[in-house]
Amino acid sequence: MTYCQSSIFGQSLQDTYRYSQDKTSLVPLIVRQCCEYLLEHGLTFVGLFRVPGKQSTIKELRDMYDRGLPVELKACYSPATISSLLKTYLQSFTF
């Protein structure tokens, strides 16, 4: 469910999968959780991927994912914050 390496941000997709404890899915945990959250809470949010999220919450969630801590995306988070977290993760890929 979580990742063993010290950071999932800034890694290649292959490295992220290599260090994933969940080998049953090719989709990284952070991507799966963000997409599930956005499907449940963000479909009617105007400007979902355009409106910036709350930076302090994005940093907090990013740090939790990077440290391999269990992350529960709660309904109290703004859809813009979760979409910004997802964008930050995808933009951090190395090739």
Protein backbone atom coordinates (compact mmCIF):
# COMPACT_ATOMS: atom_id res chain seq x y z
CA MET A 1 0.00 0.00 0.00
CA THR A 2 2.85 2.42 0.69
CA TYR A 3 6.27 2.87 -0.85
CA CYS A 4 9.57 1.80 0.69
CA GLN A 5 11.90 4.31 -0.91
CA SER A 6 12.54 7.69 0.64
CA SER A 7 10.72 9.67 -2.04
CA ILE A 8 8.18 8.92 -4.75
CA PHE A 9 8.30 12.44 -6.18
CA GLY A 10 11.03 12.98 -8.77
CA GLN A 11 11.37 9.27 -9.62
CA SER A 12 10.76 7.49 -12.89
CA LEU A 13 7.57 5.49 -13.23
CA GLN A 14 9.67 2.31 -13.37
CA ASP A 15 11.44 3.15 -10.11
CA THR A 16 8.16 4.00 -8.43
CA TYR A 17 6.77 0.60 -9.42
CA ARG A 18 9.97 -1.19 -8.42
CA TYR A 19 9.71 0.16 -4.86
CA SER A 20 5.96 -0.25 -4.56
CA GLN A 21 4.84 -2.80 -2.00
CA ASP A 22 1.65 -3.38 -4.01
CA LYS A 23 2.70 -5.36 -7.09
CA THR A 24 -0.91 -6.09 -8.09
CA SER A 25 -1.36 -2.67 -9.70
CA LEU A 26 0.70 -0.88 -12.32
CA VAL A 27 -0.80 2.42 -11.21
CA PRO A 28 1.10 4.17 -8.39
CA LEU A 29 -0.83 4.45 -5.13
CA ILE A 30 -0.84 8.24 -5.17
CA VAL A 31 -2.36 8.30 -8.68
CA ARG A 32 -5.00 5.73 -7.78
CA GLN A 33 -5.96 7.51 -4.56
CA CYS A 34 -6.11 10.96 -6.17
CA CYS A 35 -8.20 9.70 -9.10
CA GLU A 36 -10.61 7.86 -6.80
CA TYR A 37 -10.97 10.99 -4.67
CA LEU A 38 -11.55 13.22 -7.70
CA LEU A 39 -14.13 10.84 -9.15
CA GLU A 40 -16.02 10.92 -5.87
CA HIS A 41 -15.63 14.58 -4.90
CA GLY A 42 -14.40 16.60 -7.87
CA LEU A 43 -16.52 15.93 -10.93
CA THR A 44 -18.65 19.04 -10.46
CA PHE A 45 -15.79 21.28 -9.29
CA VAL A 46 -15.39 24.10 -11.82
CA GLY A 47 -11.75 24.56 -12.87
CA LEU A 48 -10.65 21.27 -11.31
CA PHE A 49 -7.17 21.22 -12.88
CA ARG A 50 -6.94 24.98 -13.36
CA VAL A 51 -7.64 26.31 -9.86
CA PRO A 52 -4.57 25.96 -7.60
CA GLY A 53 -4.91 23.98 -4.39
CA LYS A 54 -3.82 24.94 -0.88
CA GLN A 55 -0.02 24.78 -0.95
CA SER A 56 0.44 23.92 2.75
CA THR A 57 -1.87 20.90 2.41
CA ILE A 58 -0.21 19.81 -0.83
CA LYS A 59 3.20 19.93 0.90
CA GLU A 60 1.88 18.02 3.91
CA LEU A 61 0.37 15.27 1.72
CA ARG A 62 3.48 15.13 -0.49
CA ASP A 63 5.69 14.69 2.58
CA MET A 64 3.46 11.88 3.85
CA TYR A 65 3.63 10.03 0.51
CA ASP A 66 7.39 10.58 0.31
CA ARG A 67 7.89 9.14 3.80
CA GLY A 68 5.76 6.11 3.00
CA LEU A 69 3.12 6.98 5.58
CA PRO A 70 -0.46 5.84 5.08
CA VAL A 71 -2.44 8.64 3.46
CA GLU A 72 -6.21 8.95 3.63
CA LEU A 73 -7.63 11.59 1.32
CA LYS A 74 -10.55 13.00 3.29
CA ALA A 75 -13.62 14.77 1.97
CA CYS A 76 -12.51 17.91 3.83
CA TYR A 77 -9.73 18.42 1.25
CA SER A 78 -10.61 20.66 -1.65
CA PRO A 79 -10.75 18.91 -5.04
CA ALA A 80 -8.37 21.64 -6.28
CA THR A 81 -5.83 20.59 -3.65
CA ILE A 82 -5.97 16.93 -4.66
CA SER A 83 -5.79 17.75 -8.37
CA SER A 84 -2.78 20.00 -7.65
CA LEU A 85 -1.14 17.16 -5.71
CA LEU A 86 -1.69 14.83 -8.67
CA LYS A 87 -0.31 17.42 -11.11
CA THR A 88 2.74 17.97 -8.88
CA TYR A 89 3.41 14.23 -8.80
CA LEU A 90 3.04 13.79 -12.57
CA GLN A 91 5.23 16.83 -13.28
CA SER A 92 7.98 15.44 -11.05
CA PHE A 93 8.59 12.32 -13.18
CA THR A 94 12.08 11.77 -14.51
CA PHE A 95 12.71 9.81 -17.68
